Amino acid sequence: MSHTAHQRASYKLLVVDDDPQTARLVRSWYEGRPYEIFEAADGAAGLEMARSVEPDLMLLDLRMPKVDGLTVARTIKTDPRLRTIPIILLTACRDVDDKVEAFSAGADDYVTKPFAFEEVDARIQAMLRRREQWVGLVSTVADLRESNARLEQLLITDEKTGLHNFREFQRKLTEEFQRAERYDMPLALVLFDIDHFKVLNDTLGHVAGDKALREFATLVAGGARNTDTAARYGGEEFAVILPHTDSEMAARVAERIRKAVEAFVFLDDEVPTRITVSGGVAGYPESDDTDSVDALVRAADKALYRAKSGGRNRIVIADERQEPRRPKSHRRRTGVNRPIVPRD
């Protein structure tokens, strides 16, 4: 007799039949070959064995006491963990209706008794090849999903810092602004700019500058809350989007980050360096100057400019010198034009 070569090192076959002669025949046929043969004498035991060993294929008798083969097949095919196991039904029944019912129950193939085992072996090999193809396809799909997830992450991540990039910042800010408008909730934006970063780059080089950016990004991400979005805005500018947050609370978060940066020793294993950062804070819906995404960014940028021109190493809230928007009953007007200066 000829036997088909396999890619796998071994296969697990489960024989579920109340006639022990079937299992003995299978064991004899595959003796000395890379197959593990498991057996169960009734449907209930077969289901338990299938859940335990998760075979590569089942040979299943149709007529058995307690739980018949159709019930076993239906149960296997509705179990997410087991439903890809091929099932070959073995039975003495030759009625067409029985075959139709067997395939409806989830059987993948059907062999009538008495049978020549060469035929059963050929059907087993065909089913195992199909299973190999299916398993390979599932693995390929999983790999593609993982690759797509990595690609999606790359598309939204700044390669130098690991924070969100400018494109994702724009998308997220638009999304959060629309949500704030829809549900009448506050939203704040902080723009950071590393003080005198060009001097650091010119003095220590771009490699050291890039490392300092990564260290700074870690401090920004660590100082932001779980609900906030930290992003690299561009160059040495960074941004934090703070949903459900007014400008005063956002300024406190920004001040925490500013203090962490001031206390941190950058490039400690190379050229220990101190860095400071300035920040501008703007909030919606605190004035007509922040009634759109672009307006909110402009307001934060103006506040950042005031922080830089006012001496750096400080956080400034956007100036509301214009008539503020009339607040709704539940809104609390926040303080304005109030820089937060570092404490000695």
Protein backbone atom coordinates (compact mmCIF):
# COMPACT_ATOMS: atom_id res chain seq x y z
CA MET A 1 0.00 0.00 0.00
CA SER A 2 1.16 3.57 -0.66
CA HIS A 3 1.01 6.36 1.89
CA THR A 4 1.07 10.11 1.29
CA ALA A 5 3.94 12.12 2.78
CA HIS A 6 3.01 14.89 5.22
CA GLN A 7 4.37 18.29 6.06
CA ARG A 8 3.54 17.94 9.74
CA ALA A 9 5.65 15.89 12.16
CA SER A 10 2.55 14.07 13.43
CA TYR A 11 -1.23 14.16 13.33
CA LYS A 12 -3.84 13.40 15.96
CA LEU A 13 -6.78 11.26 14.83
CA LEU A 14 -9.80 10.71 17.07
CA VAL A 15 -11.96 7.63 16.43
CA VAL A 16 -15.42 7.84 18.00
CA ASP A 17 -17.20 4.50 17.49
CA ASP A 18 -18.97 2.04 19.80
CA ASP A 19 -17.37 -0.77 17.78
CA PRO A 20 -13.77 -1.14 19.07
CA GLN A 21 -12.82 -2.91 15.83
CA THR A 22 -12.79 0.45 14.01
CA ALA A 23 -10.17 1.94 16.32
CA ARG A 24 -8.07 -1.26 16.11
CA LEU A 25 -8.16 -1.08 12.32
CA VAL A 26 -7.04 2.56 12.35
CA ARG A 27 -4.21 1.81 14.78
CA SER A 28 -3.06 -1.13 12.68
CA TRP A 29 -3.15 0.87 9.44
CA TYR A 30 -1.10 3.76 10.81
CA GLU A 31 1.27 1.72 12.97
CA GLY A 32 4.84 3.01 12.67
CA ARG A 33 3.71 6.25 11.07
CA PRO A 34 3.55 9.72 12.67
CA TYR A 35 -0.05 9.49 13.89
CA GLU A 36 -1.45 9.60 17.40
CA ILE A 37 -4.68 7.63 17.61
CA PHE A 38 -7.25 8.49 20.28
CA GLU A 39 -10.53 6.66 20.73
CA ALA A 40 -13.88 7.05 22.45
CA ALA A 41 -16.70 4.46 22.66
CA ASP A 42 -19.67 6.88 22.57
CA GLY A 43 -20.57 10.39 21.54
CA ALA A 44 -20.36 11.97 24.99
CA ALA A 45 -16.87 10.58 25.56
CA GLY A 46 -15.92 11.64 22.04
CA LEU A 47 -16.90 15.26 22.71
CA GLU A 48 -14.91 15.27 25.94
CA MET A 49 -11.90 13.77 24.15
CA ALA A 50 -12.17 16.27 21.29
CA ARG A 51 -12.13 19.20 23.71
CA SER A 52 -9.17 17.69 25.52
CA VAL A 53 -6.83 16.74 22.66
CA GLU A 54 -8.14 18.97 19.81
CA PRO A 55 -7.51 16.36 17.09
CA ASP A 56 -6.59 17.14 13.51
CA LEU A 57 -9.39 14.88 12.25
CA MET A 58 -12.31 12.85 13.62
CA LEU A 59 -13.64 9.51 12.38
CA LEU A 60 -17.18 9.47 13.73
CA ASP A 61 -19.76 6.69 13.77
CA LEU A 62 -23.27 7.84 12.92
CA ARG A 63 -25.27 5.46 15.16
CA MET A 64 -24.11 5.33 18.78
CA PRO A 65 -25.82 5.02 22.16
CA LYS A 66 -26.42 8.09 24.39
CA VAL A 67 -25.17 10.75 21.98
CA ASP A 68 -25.24 9.96 18.26
CA GLY A 69 -22.79 11.09 15.60
CA LEU A 70 -25.03 13.86 14.23
CA THR A 71 -25.24 15.51 17.65
CA VAL A 72 -21.47 15.24 18.06
CA ALA A 73 -20.89 16.77 14.62
CA ARG A 74 -23.26 19.67 15.29
CA THR A 75 -21.62 20.35 18.64
CA ILE A 76 -18.12 20.28 17.19
CA LYS A 77 -19.02 22.61 14.32
CA THR A 78 -20.56 25.21 16.64
CA ASP A 79 -17.56 25.30 18.98
CA PRO A 80 -15.22 28.15 17.87
CA ARG A 81 -12.19 26.23 19.13
CA LEU A 82 -13.06 22.95 17.37
CA ARG A 83 -15.14 23.82 14.33
CA THR A 84 -12.24 23.58 11.85
CA ILE A 85 -11.64 19.90 12.72
CA PRO A 86 -12.59 17.75 9.67
CA ILE A 87 -15.20 15.07 10.42
CA ILE A 88 -15.56 11.87 8.41
CA LEU A 89 -18.73 9.97 9.27
CA LEU A 90 -18.60 6.16 9.20
CA THR A 91 -21.90 4.28 9.02
CA ALA A 92 -23.67 1.26 7.64
CA CYS A 93 -26.58 3.47 6.57
CA ARG A 94 -26.80 3.96 2.83
CA ASP A 95 -29.98 6.01 2.73
CA VAL A 96 -29.64 9.32 0.84
CA ASP A 97 -31.59 11.16 3.53
CA ASP A 98 -29.05 10.03 6.14
CA LYS A 99 -26.23 11.43 4.02
CA VAL A 100 -28.02 14.74 3.54
CA GLU A 101 -28.65 14.98 7.29
CA ALA A 102 -25.00 14.13 8.01
CA PHE A 103 -23.69 16.92 5.77
CA SER A 104 -26.25 19.33 7.22
CA ALA A 105 -24.92 18.49 10.68
CA GLY A 106 -21.43 19.55 9.62
CA ALA A 107 -19.78 16.34 8.40
CA ASP A 108 -17.02 16.97 5.86
CA ASP A 109 -17.12 13.49 4.32
CA TYR A 110 -19.15 10.28 4.55
CA VAL A 111 -18.03 6.63 4.21
CA THR A 112 -20.35 3.63 4.34
CA LYS A 113 -19.51 0.35 6.07
CA PRO A 114 -18.10 -2.10 5.18
CA PHE A 115 -15.26 -0.15 3.62
CA ALA A 116 -11.78 -0.73 2.27
CA PHE A 117 -9.41 1.21 4.46
CA GLU A 118 -7.44 2.34 1.43
CA GLU A 119 -10.48 4.48 0.59
CA VAL A 120 -10.75 5.79 4.16
CA ASP A 121 -7.03 6.59 4.18
CA ALA A 122 -7.35 8.51 0.90
CA ARG A 123 -10.22 10.54 2.35
CA ILE A 124 -8.25 11.17 5.56
CA GLN A 125 -5.26 12.43 3.55
CA ALA A 126 -7.50 14.73 1.51
CA MET A 127 -9.11 16.13 4.66
CA LEU A 128 -5.73 16.65 6.35
CA ARG A 129 -4.43 18.50 3.30
CA ARG A 130 -7.48 20.73 3.37
CA ARG A 131 -6.95 21.35 7.08
CA GLU A 132 -3.29 22.22 6.47
CA GLN A 133 -4.37 24.71 3.82
CA TRP A 134 -6.98 26.18 6.17
CA VAL A 135 -4.54 26.44 9.07
CA GLY A 136 -2.02 28.07 6.73
CA LEU A 137 -4.65 30.52 5.51
CA VAL A 138 -5.66 31.39 9.07
CA SER A 139 -2.00 31.94 9.94
CA THR A 140 -1.54 34.14 6.86
CA VAL A 141 -4.61 36.20 7.74
CA ALA A 142 -3.33 36.61 11.31
CA ASP A 143 0.06 37.72 9.98
CA LEU A 144 -1.60 40.20 7.63
CA ARG A 145 -3.70 41.61 10.44
CA GLU A 146 -0.61 41.99 12.59
CA SER A 147 1.26 43.64 9.71
CA ASN A 148 -1.66 45.98 9.04
CA ALA A 149 -1.82 46.88 12.73
CA ARG A 150 1.90 47.65 12.72
CA LEU A 151 1.51 49.69 9.52
CA GLU A 152 -1.41 51.63 10.98
CA GLN A 153 0.66 52.32 14.07
CA LEU A 154 3.55 53.54 11.92
CA LEU A 155 1.22 55.85 10.00
CA ILE A 156 0.12 57.62 13.18
CA THR A 157 3.43 57.54 15.08
CA ASP A 158 6.31 59.99 14.97
CA GLU A 159 9.38 57.88 14.25
CA LYS A 160 11.78 59.96 16.36
CA THR A 161 9.73 60.21 19.56
CA GLY A 162 7.14 57.43 19.50
CA LEU A 163 4.35 59.94 20.16
CA HIS A 164 1.50 60.57 17.74
CA ASN A 165 2.59 62.42 14.62
CA PHE A 166 1.19 65.69 13.28
CA ARG A 167 -1.35 63.96 11.02
CA GLU A 168 -2.77 61.97 13.92
CA PHE A 169 -2.75 65.10 16.08
CA GLN A 170 -4.91 66.89 13.51
CA ARG A 171 -7.31 63.96 13.25
CA LYS A 172 -7.59 63.55 17.01
CA LEU A 173 -8.02 67.26 17.70
CA THR A 174 -10.80 67.50 15.08
CA GLU A 175 -12.49 64.43 16.58
CA GLU A 176 -12.29 65.77 20.13
CA PHE A 177 -13.43 69.26 19.08
CA GLN A 178 -16.50 67.84 17.34
CA ARG A 179 -17.28 65.77 20.43
CA ALA A 180 -16.86 68.83 22.67
CA GLU A 181 -19.24 70.82 20.45
CA ARG A 182 -21.79 68.03 20.29
CA TYR A 183 -21.93 67.34 24.01
CA ASP A 184 -21.17 70.87 25.20
CA MET A 185 -18.02 69.79 27.03
CA PRO A 186 -14.76 71.68 27.58
CA LEU A 187 -11.63 70.87 25.60
CA ALA A 188 -8.11 72.19 26.11
CA LEU A 189 -4.97 72.23 24.01
CA VAL A 190 -1.39 72.75 25.19
CA LEU A 191 1.46 73.57 22.79
CA PHE A 192 5.00 73.10 24.11
CA ASP A 193 8.24 74.42 22.63
CA ILE A 194 11.65 73.37 23.95
CA ASP A 195 13.61 76.48 24.89
CA HIS A 196 16.82 77.17 22.93
CA PHE A 197 16.70 73.77 21.25
CA LYS A 198 18.59 75.05 18.20
CA VAL A 199 21.54 75.88 20.45
CA LEU A 200 21.54 72.31 21.77
CA ASN A 201 21.45 70.93 18.22
CA ASP A 202 24.21 73.23 17.02
CA THR A 203 26.38 72.53 20.05
CA LEU A 204 25.94 68.79 20.59
CA GLY A 205 24.80 67.66 17.15
CA HIS A 206 21.60 66.24 15.73
CA VAL A 207 22.10 62.75 17.16
CA ALA A 208 22.17 64.18 20.67
CA GLY A 209 19.27 66.46 19.73
CA ASP A 210 17.19 63.51 18.59
CA LYS A 211 17.90 61.67 21.83
CA ALA A 212 16.90 64.74 23.82
CA LEU A 213 13.63 64.87 21.84
CA ARG A 214 12.93 61.24 22.75
CA GLU A 215 13.63 61.91 26.41
CA PHE A 216 11.44 65.00 26.32
CA ALA A 217 8.64 63.02 24.65
CA THR A 218 8.81 60.48 27.49
CA LEU A 219 8.35 63.26 30.03
CA VAL A 220 5.40 64.71 28.10
CA ALA A 221 3.70 61.33 27.81
CA GLY A 222 4.38 60.60 31.47
CA GLY A 223 2.96 63.92 32.61
CA ALA A 224 -0.18 63.68 30.48
CA ARG A 225 -3.22 61.81 31.78
CA ASN A 226 -4.50 58.53 30.35
CA THR A 227 -7.33 60.36 28.58
CA ASP A 228 -5.01 62.92 26.97
CA THR A 229 -3.31 62.67 23.58
CA ALA A 230 0.35 63.62 23.34
CA ALA A 231 1.83 64.36 19.92
CA ARG A 232 4.87 65.81 18.23
CA TYR A 233 3.62 68.96 16.55
CA GLY A 234 6.79 69.54 14.54
CA GLY A 235 10.49 70.14 15.15
CA GLU A 236 10.88 70.79 18.87
CA GLU A 237 7.17 71.61 19.32
CA PHE A 238 4.82 69.18 21.03
CA ALA A 239 1.11 69.17 21.79
CA VAL A 240 -1.24 67.66 24.33
CA ILE A 241 -4.99 67.41 23.70
CA LEU A 242 -7.01 67.30 26.93
CA PRO A 243 -10.69 66.30 26.57
CA HIS A 244 -13.24 67.32 29.22
CA THR A 245 -10.73 69.83 30.57
CA ASP A 246 -10.82 73.62 30.94
CA SER A 247 -7.76 75.80 30.46
CA GLU A 248 -6.97 76.14 34.17
CA MET A 249 -6.86 72.38 34.69
CA ALA A 250 -4.87 71.98 31.45
CA ALA A 251 -2.40 74.59 32.71
CA ARG A 252 -1.87 72.53 35.86
CA VAL A 253 -1.11 69.46 33.75
CA ALA A 254 1.24 71.53 31.58
CA GLU A 255 2.95 72.96 34.67
CA ARG A 256 3.55 69.45 35.98
CA ILE A 257 5.27 68.59 32.71
CA ARG A 258 7.27 71.84 32.76
CA LYS A 259 8.57 71.08 36.26
CA ALA A 260 9.46 67.51 35.29
CA VAL A 261 11.46 68.80 32.31
CA GLU A 262 13.22 71.43 34.41
CA ALA A 263 14.27 68.81 36.98
CA PHE A 264 15.38 66.18 34.48
CA VAL A 265 18.99 65.69 33.39
CA PHE A 266 18.99 65.08 29.63
CA LEU A 267 21.71 63.09 27.84
CA ASP A 268 22.91 61.96 31.26
CA ASP A 269 25.16 59.18 29.92
CA GLU A 270 26.79 61.47 27.33
CA VAL A 271 26.79 65.21 28.03
CA PRO A 272 24.49 65.93 30.98
CA THR A 273 22.27 68.78 29.88
CA ARG A 274 19.48 70.85 31.41
CA ILE A 275 16.51 71.84 29.25
CA THR A 276 13.47 74.00 29.89
CA VAL A 277 10.19 74.25 28.03
CA SER A 278 7.56 76.90 27.41
CA GLY A 279 3.88 76.18 26.93
CA GLY A 280 0.72 77.86 25.72
CA VAL A 281 -2.77 76.75 26.80
CA ALA A 282 -6.10 77.42 25.12
CA GLY A 283 -9.54 76.11 25.92
CA TYR A 284 -12.91 75.66 24.23
CA PRO A 285 -15.50 77.19 24.66
CA GLU A 286 -13.94 79.95 26.71
CA SER A 287 -14.08 82.73 24.11
CA ASP A 288 -14.93 83.45 20.50
CA ASP A 289 -11.19 83.13 19.80
CA THR A 290 -11.47 79.33 20.21
CA ASP A 291 -14.68 78.55 18.33
CA SER A 292 -13.03 76.24 15.77
CA VAL A 293 -10.17 73.79 15.57
CA ASP A 294 -7.93 76.27 13.77
CA ALA A 295 -8.89 79.04 16.19
CA LEU A 296 -8.06 76.84 19.17
CA VAL A 297 -4.62 76.07 17.73
CA ARG A 298 -4.00 79.76 16.98
CA ALA A 299 -4.98 80.72 20.52
CA ALA A 300 -2.61 78.13 22.03
CA ASP A 301 0.14 79.25 19.66
CA LYS A 302 -0.31 82.91 20.70
CA ALA A 303 -0.13 81.88 24.35
CA LEU A 304 3.04 79.93 23.59
CA TYR A 305 4.54 83.02 21.93
CA ARG A 306 3.74 85.04 25.06
CA ALA A 307 5.44 82.40 27.21
CA LYS A 308 8.56 82.53 25.01
CA SER A 309 8.69 86.31 24.83
CA GLY A 310 7.95 86.62 28.54
CA GLY A 311 11.11 84.83 29.59
CA ARG A 312 10.57 81.16 28.64
CA ASN A 313 10.32 78.23 31.05
CA ARG A 314 6.71 79.04 31.86
CA ILE A 315 3.12 78.14 31.00
CA VAL A 316 0.72 80.85 29.81
CA ILE A 317 -3.04 80.59 29.33
CA ALA A 318 -4.51 82.14 26.18
CA ASP A 319 -5.35 85.84 26.44
CA GLU A 320 -9.09 86.60 26.41
CA ARG A 321 -9.01 90.36 26.10
CA GLN A 322 -12.06 90.22 23.81
CA GLU A 323 -15.53 89.91 25.29
CA PRO A 324 -15.78 86.29 26.47
CA ARG A 325 -18.51 84.04 25.15
CA ARG A 326 -21.59 83.99 27.40
CA PRO A 327 -21.30 80.75 29.38
CA LYS A 328 -24.15 78.28 29.61
CA SER A 329 -25.63 77.67 33.04
CA HIS A 330 -23.27 74.80 33.92
CA ARG A 331 -20.10 76.43 32.54
CA ARG A 332 -17.56 77.97 34.91
CA ARG A 333 -15.57 80.82 33.40
CA THR A 334 -11.90 80.14 33.84
CA GLY A 335 -9.21 82.65 34.78
CA VAL A 336 -7.45 84.32 31.87
CA ASN A 337 -4.28 86.10 31.04
CA ARG A 338 -2.59 84.47 34.02
CA PRO A 339 0.91 83.03 33.45
CA ILE A 340 2.03 80.17 35.64
CA VAL A 341 5.63 80.85 36.54
CA PRO A 342 8.11 78.32 37.88
CA ARG A 343 8.67 78.29 41.60
CA ASP A 344 12.14 78.58 43.00
